[in-house]
């Protein structure tokens, strides 16, 4: 099968599992030495801010993408759920975002991925009760 078709198929499957349209997901590929790194970034539909969802690696785009699909299908729901209250400096509106992570440090990494920390105020990071 053509690699581009397989990449599109897996991206669509990830979108479906996450219940987000493809236009709210960014598949950011970066070559890291001999490995291809994939940062899956989500775009929040309420405030159009982007957040890191998860990072995987593989020998090429297809392998990194397959790793991401496996993570989405089985592993991400095993992480703890957090609620973050935050605001962009200079704007009065309080925002609420949700993350799955191993701990609060990983939440901070996901929140601040690709952004200047000086432009945001975090009011709280709360571990949500287990449902």
N, C-alpha and C. Protein backbone atom coordinates (compact mmCIF):
# COMPACT_ATOMS: atom_id res chain seq x y z
N UNK A 1 0.85 -1.19 0.00
CA UNK A 1 0.00 0.00 0.00
C UNK A 1 0.89 1.25 0.00
N UNK A 2 0.46 2.26 -0.71
CA UNK A 2 1.17 3.54 -0.75
C UNK A 2 1.30 4.10 0.66
N UNK A 3 2.53 4.52 1.03
CA UNK A 3 2.79 5.02 2.38
C UNK A 3 1.92 6.24 2.71
N UNK A 4 1.70 7.12 1.76
CA UNK A 4 0.88 8.31 2.01
C UNK A 4 -0.57 7.94 2.32
N UNK A 5 -1.08 6.92 1.65
CA UNK A 5 -2.45 6.46 1.91
C UNK A 5 -2.52 5.85 3.31
N UNK A 6 -1.50 5.08 3.67
CA UNK A 6 -1.48 4.46 5.01
C UNK A 6 -1.37 5.53 6.10
N UNK A 7 -0.56 6.56 5.87
CA UNK A 7 -0.45 7.67 6.83
C UNK A 7 -1.80 8.36 6.99
N UNK A 8 -2.48 8.63 5.90
CA UNK A 8 -3.80 9.27 5.96
C UNK A 8 -4.81 8.38 6.69
N UNK A 9 -4.75 7.07 6.45
CA UNK A 9 -5.67 6.13 7.11
C UNK A 9 -5.45 6.14 8.62
N UNK A 10 -4.19 6.11 9.06
CA UNK A 10 -3.89 6.08 10.49
C UNK A 10 -4.26 7.42 11.13
N UNK A 11 -3.98 8.53 10.45
CA UNK A 11 -4.37 9.83 11.00
C UNK A 11 -5.88 9.91 11.19
N UNK A 12 -6.63 9.39 10.23
CA UNK A 12 -8.09 9.36 10.33
C UNK A 12 -8.53 8.49 11.52
N UNK A 13 -7.88 7.35 11.71
CA UNK A 13 -8.21 6.46 12.83
C UNK A 13 -7.93 7.15 14.16
N UNK A 14 -6.83 7.88 14.26
CA UNK A 14 -6.52 8.62 15.49
C UNK A 14 -7.58 9.67 15.75
N UNK A 15 -7.96 10.39 14.70
CA UNK A 15 -9.01 11.41 14.81
C UNK A 15 -10.31 10.80 15.33
N UNK A 16 -10.66 9.66 14.80
CA UNK A 16 -11.90 8.99 15.20
C UNK A 16 -11.83 8.55 16.66
N UNK A 17 -10.72 7.94 17.07
CA UNK A 17 -10.56 7.49 18.45
C UNK A 17 -10.62 8.66 19.43
N UNK A 18 -10.04 9.79 19.03
CA UNK A 18 -10.00 10.96 19.92
C UNK A 18 -11.29 11.78 19.86
N UNK A 19 -12.16 11.43 18.91
CA UNK A 19 -13.41 12.15 18.70
C UNK A 19 -13.17 13.64 18.44
N UNK A 20 -12.14 13.90 17.62
CA UNK A 20 -11.81 15.25 17.18
C UNK A 20 -11.67 15.24 15.66
N UNK A 21 -12.18 16.27 14.99
CA UNK A 21 -11.98 16.33 13.53
C UNK A 21 -10.50 16.51 13.20
N UNK A 22 -10.09 16.05 12.04
CA UNK A 22 -8.69 16.15 11.63
C UNK A 22 -8.18 17.59 11.63
N UNK A 23 -9.06 18.56 11.39
CA UNK A 23 -8.60 19.95 11.38
C UNK A 23 -8.33 20.49 12.79
N UNK A 24 -8.57 19.69 13.83
CA UNK A 24 -8.25 20.06 15.21
C UNK A 24 -7.06 19.26 15.74
N UNK A 25 -6.36 18.57 14.83
CA UNK A 25 -5.16 17.82 15.17
C UNK A 25 -4.01 18.26 14.27
N UNK A 26 -2.83 18.40 14.87
CA UNK A 26 -1.62 18.72 14.11
C UNK A 26 -0.64 17.58 14.34
N UNK A 27 -0.22 16.95 13.25
CA UNK A 27 0.77 15.88 13.30
C UNK A 27 2.11 16.52 12.94
N UNK A 28 2.91 16.82 13.97
CA UNK A 28 4.16 17.55 13.81
C UNK A 28 5.33 16.57 13.85
N UNK A 29 5.95 16.33 12.68
CA UNK A 29 7.05 15.38 12.55
C UNK A 29 8.38 16.11 12.59
N UNK A 30 9.31 15.60 13.39
CA UNK A 30 10.65 16.17 13.50
C UNK A 30 11.67 15.05 13.45
N UNK A 31 12.68 15.20 12.61
CA UNK A 31 13.76 14.21 12.56
C UNK A 31 14.66 14.46 13.77
N UNK A 32 14.90 13.41 14.57
CA UNK A 32 15.75 13.50 15.77
C UNK A 32 16.84 12.43 15.62
N UNK A 33 17.93 12.80 14.95
CA UNK A 33 18.97 11.82 14.65
C UNK A 33 18.45 10.81 13.65
N UNK A 34 18.49 9.53 14.03
CA UNK A 34 18.01 8.49 13.13
C UNK A 34 16.53 8.21 13.31
N UNK A 35 15.91 8.84 14.30
CA UNK A 35 14.50 8.60 14.58
C UNK A 35 13.62 9.75 14.12
N UNK A 36 12.39 9.42 13.79
CA UNK A 36 11.38 10.42 13.46
C UNK A 36 10.52 10.61 14.71
N UNK A 37 10.45 11.84 15.19
CA UNK A 37 9.62 12.16 16.35
C UNK A 37 8.30 12.73 15.86
N UNK A 38 7.21 12.28 16.47
CA UNK A 38 5.88 12.80 16.16
C UNK A 38 5.30 13.43 17.40
N UNK A 39 5.01 14.73 17.32
CA UNK A 39 4.28 15.43 18.37
C UNK A 39 2.86 15.58 17.87
N UNK A 40 1.91 14.97 18.58
CA UNK A 40 0.50 15.14 18.24
C UNK A 40 -0.02 16.31 19.07
N UNK A 41 -0.47 17.33 18.38
CA UNK A 41 -0.93 18.57 19.01
C UNK A 41 -2.41 18.72 18.74
N UNK A 42 -3.16 19.06 19.79
CA UNK A 42 -4.59 19.29 19.63
C UNK A 42 -4.88 20.78 19.60
N UNK A 43 -5.93 21.15 18.88
CA UNK A 43 -6.38 22.54 18.83
C UNK A 43 -7.73 22.58 19.54
N UNK A 44 -7.78 23.33 20.65
CA UNK A 44 -9.01 23.40 21.42
C UNK A 44 -10.07 24.16 20.63
N UNK A 45 -11.25 23.56 20.43
CA UNK A 45 -12.28 24.21 19.61
C UNK A 45 -12.90 25.45 20.27
N UNK A 46 -12.80 25.59 21.59
CA UNK A 46 -13.39 26.75 22.26
C UNK A 46 -12.53 28.00 22.17
N UNK A 47 -11.21 27.84 22.34
CA UNK A 47 -10.36 29.03 22.37
C UNK A 47 -9.19 28.95 21.38
N UNK A 48 -9.17 27.96 20.52
CA UNK A 48 -8.16 27.80 19.46
C UNK A 48 -6.72 27.79 19.96
N UNK A 49 -6.50 27.42 21.20
CA UNK A 49 -5.13 27.24 21.70
C UNK A 49 -4.68 25.83 21.38
N UNK A 50 -3.39 25.64 21.20
CA UNK A 50 -2.84 24.33 20.90
C UNK A 50 -2.16 23.76 22.14
N UNK A 51 -2.27 22.43 22.29
CA UNK A 51 -1.62 21.74 23.40
C UNK A 51 -1.03 20.44 22.91
N UNK A 52 0.12 20.07 23.48
CA UNK A 52 0.73 18.80 23.16
C UNK A 52 -0.11 17.68 23.75
N UNK A 53 -0.48 16.71 22.93
CA UNK A 53 -1.22 15.55 23.41
C UNK A 53 -0.26 14.43 23.82
N UNK A 54 0.67 14.10 22.91
CA UNK A 54 1.62 13.02 23.20
C UNK A 54 2.73 13.05 22.16
N UNK A 55 3.86 12.45 22.50
CA UNK A 55 5.01 12.35 21.60
C UNK A 55 5.39 10.88 21.43
N UNK A 56 5.65 10.47 20.19
CA UNK A 56 6.15 9.12 19.92
C UNK A 56 7.35 9.23 18.98
N UNK A 57 8.06 8.11 18.84
CA UNK A 57 9.19 8.04 17.92
C UNK A 57 9.15 6.74 17.14
N UNK A 58 9.72 6.79 15.95
CA UNK A 58 9.83 5.60 15.12
C UNK A 58 10.94 5.81 14.10
N UNK A 59 11.21 4.78 13.33
CA UNK A 59 12.28 4.91 12.32
C UNK A 59 11.86 5.82 11.16
N UNK A 60 10.53 5.97 10.98
CA UNK A 60 10.00 6.85 9.94
C UNK A 60 8.64 7.38 10.39
N UNK A 61 8.01 8.18 9.53
CA UNK A 61 6.70 8.77 9.87
C UNK A 61 5.67 7.70 10.17
N UNK A 62 5.66 6.67 9.34
CA UNK A 62 4.65 5.62 9.49
C UNK A 62 4.77 4.89 10.82
N UNK A 63 5.98 4.57 11.21
CA UNK A 63 6.18 3.86 12.48
C UNK A 63 5.83 4.77 13.67
N UNK A 64 6.22 6.04 13.62
CA UNK A 64 5.87 6.97 14.70
C UNK A 64 4.36 7.15 14.79
N UNK A 65 3.71 7.19 13.65
CA UNK A 65 2.25 7.34 13.61
C UNK A 65 1.56 6.09 14.14
N UNK A 66 2.09 4.92 13.81
CA UNK A 66 1.53 3.66 14.32
C UNK A 66 1.66 3.61 15.84
N UNK A 67 2.79 4.07 16.37
CA UNK A 67 2.99 4.13 17.82
C UNK A 67 1.94 5.05 18.45
N UNK A 68 1.65 6.16 17.77
CA UNK A 68 0.65 7.11 18.29
C UNK A 68 -0.73 6.46 18.31
N UNK A 69 -1.08 5.75 17.26
CA UNK A 69 -2.38 5.07 17.22
C UNK A 69 -2.50 4.07 18.36
N UNK A 70 -1.45 3.30 18.59
CA UNK A 70 -1.46 2.33 19.69
C UNK A 70 -1.64 3.04 21.03
N UNK A 71 -0.97 4.16 21.20
CA UNK A 71 -1.11 4.94 22.44
C UNK A 71 -2.55 5.43 22.62
N UNK A 72 -3.11 5.97 21.57
CA UNK A 72 -4.48 6.51 21.63
C UNK A 72 -5.48 5.40 21.93
N UNK A 73 -5.31 4.25 21.28
CA UNK A 73 -6.26 3.15 21.44
C UNK A 73 -6.22 2.52 22.83
N UNK A 74 -5.04 2.43 23.42
CA UNK A 74 -4.94 1.62 24.63
C UNK A 74 -4.37 2.30 25.86
N UNK A 75 -3.45 3.21 25.67
CA UNK A 75 -2.67 3.66 26.80
C UNK A 75 -3.09 4.99 27.40
N UNK A 76 -3.54 5.93 26.59
CA UNK A 76 -3.73 7.28 27.14
C UNK A 76 -4.80 7.33 28.20
N UNK A 77 -5.80 6.47 28.14
CA UNK A 77 -6.85 6.51 29.16
C UNK A 77 -6.38 5.95 30.49
N UNK A 78 -5.22 5.31 30.52
CA UNK A 78 -4.67 4.79 31.76
C UNK A 78 -3.93 5.87 32.56
N UNK A 79 -3.71 7.02 31.95
CA UNK A 79 -3.08 8.13 32.66
C UNK A 79 -4.12 8.88 33.46
N UNK A 80 -3.66 9.63 34.44
CA UNK A 80 -4.56 10.39 35.28
C UNK A 80 -5.08 11.61 34.53
N UNK A 81 -6.27 12.05 34.92
CA UNK A 81 -6.90 13.21 34.30
C UNK A 81 -6.71 14.44 35.18
N UNK A 82 -6.34 15.56 34.53
CA UNK A 82 -6.10 16.81 35.23
C UNK A 82 -6.94 17.93 34.61
N UNK A 83 -7.33 18.89 35.44
CA UNK A 83 -8.00 20.11 34.99
C UNK A 83 -7.07 21.28 35.28
N UNK A 84 -6.86 22.12 34.27
CA UNK A 84 -5.99 23.29 34.42
C UNK A 84 -6.84 24.54 34.19
N UNK A 85 -6.78 25.47 35.15
CA UNK A 85 -7.42 26.79 34.98
C UNK A 85 -6.30 27.77 34.67
N UNK A 86 -6.49 28.55 33.60
CA UNK A 86 -5.42 29.41 33.14
C UNK A 86 -5.98 30.63 32.41
N UNK A 87 -5.13 31.61 32.21
CA UNK A 87 -5.49 32.78 31.41
C UNK A 87 -4.24 33.27 30.69
N UNK A 88 -4.47 33.83 29.53
CA UNK A 88 -3.37 34.46 28.80
C UNK A 88 -3.21 35.86 29.38
N UNK A 89 -1.98 36.25 29.67
CA UNK A 89 -1.74 37.56 30.27
C UNK A 89 -2.27 38.65 29.36
N UNK A 90 -2.94 39.63 29.96
CA UNK A 90 -3.54 40.71 29.21
C UNK A 90 -4.98 40.44 28.82
N UNK A 91 -5.46 39.24 29.07
CA UNK A 91 -6.84 38.88 28.78
C UNK A 91 -7.51 38.46 30.09
N UNK A 92 -8.72 38.92 30.30
CA UNK A 92 -9.40 38.70 31.57
C UNK A 92 -10.12 37.35 31.65
N UNK A 93 -10.33 36.69 30.52
CA UNK A 93 -11.13 35.48 30.50
C UNK A 93 -10.36 34.26 31.04
N UNK A 94 -10.95 33.60 32.03
CA UNK A 94 -10.39 32.39 32.59
C UNK A 94 -10.74 31.22 31.67
N UNK A 95 -9.75 30.40 31.37
CA UNK A 95 -9.95 29.23 30.51
C UNK A 95 -9.77 27.96 31.32
N UNK A 96 -10.39 26.88 30.89
CA UNK A 96 -10.25 25.58 31.52
C UNK A 96 -9.87 24.58 30.44
N UNK A 97 -8.81 23.82 30.70
CA UNK A 97 -8.37 22.78 29.77
C UNK A 97 -8.13 21.50 30.54
N UNK A 98 -8.22 20.38 29.81
CA UNK A 98 -8.09 19.06 30.43
C UNK A 98 -6.94 18.30 29.78
N UNK A 99 -6.19 17.58 30.61
CA UNK A 99 -5.03 16.84 30.16
C UNK A 99 -5.02 15.47 30.79
N UNK A 100 -4.43 14.50 30.09
CA UNK A 100 -4.11 13.20 30.67
C UNK A 100 -2.60 13.14 30.75
N UNK A 101 -2.09 12.78 31.94
CA UNK A 101 -0.65 12.78 32.15
C UNK A 101 -0.30 11.88 33.33
N UNK A 102 0.99 11.53 33.42
CA UNK A 102 1.48 10.73 34.54
C UNK A 102 1.50 11.54 35.83
N UNK A 103 1.79 12.84 35.69
CA UNK A 103 1.91 13.70 36.87
C UNK A 103 1.78 15.16 36.45
N UNK A 104 1.84 16.07 37.43
CA UNK A 104 1.67 17.49 37.13
C UNK A 104 2.80 18.05 36.27
N UNK A 105 4.00 17.50 36.39
CA UNK A 105 5.11 17.98 35.57
C UNK A 105 4.85 17.72 34.08
N UNK A 106 4.27 16.56 33.80
CA UNK A 106 3.93 16.25 32.41
C UNK A 106 2.81 17.16 31.93
N UNK A 107 1.86 17.51 32.80
CA UNK A 107 0.81 18.47 32.45
C UNK A 107 1.45 19.80 32.05
N UNK A 108 2.41 20.26 32.85
CA UNK A 108 3.08 21.53 32.54
C UNK A 108 3.81 21.46 31.21
N UNK A 109 4.49 20.34 30.95
CA UNK A 109 5.19 20.16 29.66
C UNK A 109 4.20 20.23 28.50
N UNK A 110 3.05 19.58 28.65
CA UNK A 110 2.06 19.58 27.59
C UNK A 110 1.44 20.96 27.41
N UNK A 111 1.17 21.64 28.51
CA UNK A 111 0.57 22.98 28.42
C UNK A 111 1.52 23.97 27.74
N UNK A 112 2.78 23.98 28.16
CA UNK A 112 3.71 25.01 27.68
C UNK A 112 4.45 24.62 26.40
N UNK A 113 4.18 23.46 25.83
CA UNK A 113 4.84 23.03 24.59
C UNK A 113 4.62 24.08 23.49
N UNK A 114 5.71 24.63 22.99
CA UNK A 114 5.63 25.57 21.87
C UNK A 114 5.15 26.96 22.23
N UNK A 115 5.08 27.29 23.51
CA UNK A 115 4.62 28.63 23.88
C UNK A 115 5.54 29.24 24.93
N UNK A 116 5.48 30.55 25.03
CA UNK A 116 6.27 31.31 25.99
C UNK A 116 5.54 31.30 27.34
N UNK A 117 6.16 30.71 28.35
CA UNK A 117 5.54 30.59 29.67
C UNK A 117 5.23 31.94 30.29
N UNK A 118 5.97 32.98 29.92
CA UNK A 118 5.74 34.31 30.48
C UNK A 118 4.43 34.94 30.02
N UNK A 119 3.79 34.37 29.01
CA UNK A 119 2.56 34.93 28.47
C UNK A 119 1.30 34.33 29.07
N UNK A 120 1.45 33.39 30.03
CA UNK A 120 0.30 32.69 30.60
C UNK A 120 0.40 32.65 32.12
N UNK A 121 -0.76 32.68 32.75
CA UNK A 121 -0.86 32.50 34.19
C UNK A 121 -1.68 31.24 34.45
N UNK A 122 -1.10 30.30 35.21
CA UNK A 122 -1.83 29.11 35.61
C UNK A 122 -2.37 29.35 37.02
N UNK A 123 -3.67 29.21 37.18
CA UNK A 123 -4.28 29.43 38.48
C UNK A 123 -4.37 28.14 39.27
N UNK A 124 -4.58 27.03 38.59
CA UNK A 124 -4.65 25.76 39.30
C UNK A 124 -4.42 24.60 38.36
N UNK A 125 -3.85 23.53 38.91
CA UNK A 125 -3.75 22.23 38.25
C UNK A 125 -4.34 21.25 39.24
N UNK A 126 -5.43 20.63 38.86
CA UNK A 126 -6.13 19.75 39.78
C UNK A 126 -6.21 18.34 39.23
N UNK A 127 -5.84 17.38 40.07
CA UNK A 127 -6.02 15.97 39.72
C UNK A 127 -7.48 15.64 39.87
N UNK A 128 -8.10 15.12 38.81
CA UNK A 128 -9.51 14.80 38.85
C UNK A 128 -9.73 13.45 39.53
N UNK A 129 -10.87 13.29 40.22
CA UNK A 129 -11.16 12.00 40.86
C UNK A 129 -11.29 10.89 39.82
N UNK A 130 -10.97 9.70 40.22
CA UNK A 130 -11.11 8.53 39.33
C UNK A 130 -12.58 8.22 39.18
N UNK A 131 -13.02 8.07 37.93
CA UNK A 131 -14.45 7.83 37.67
C UNK A 131 -14.78 6.38 37.79
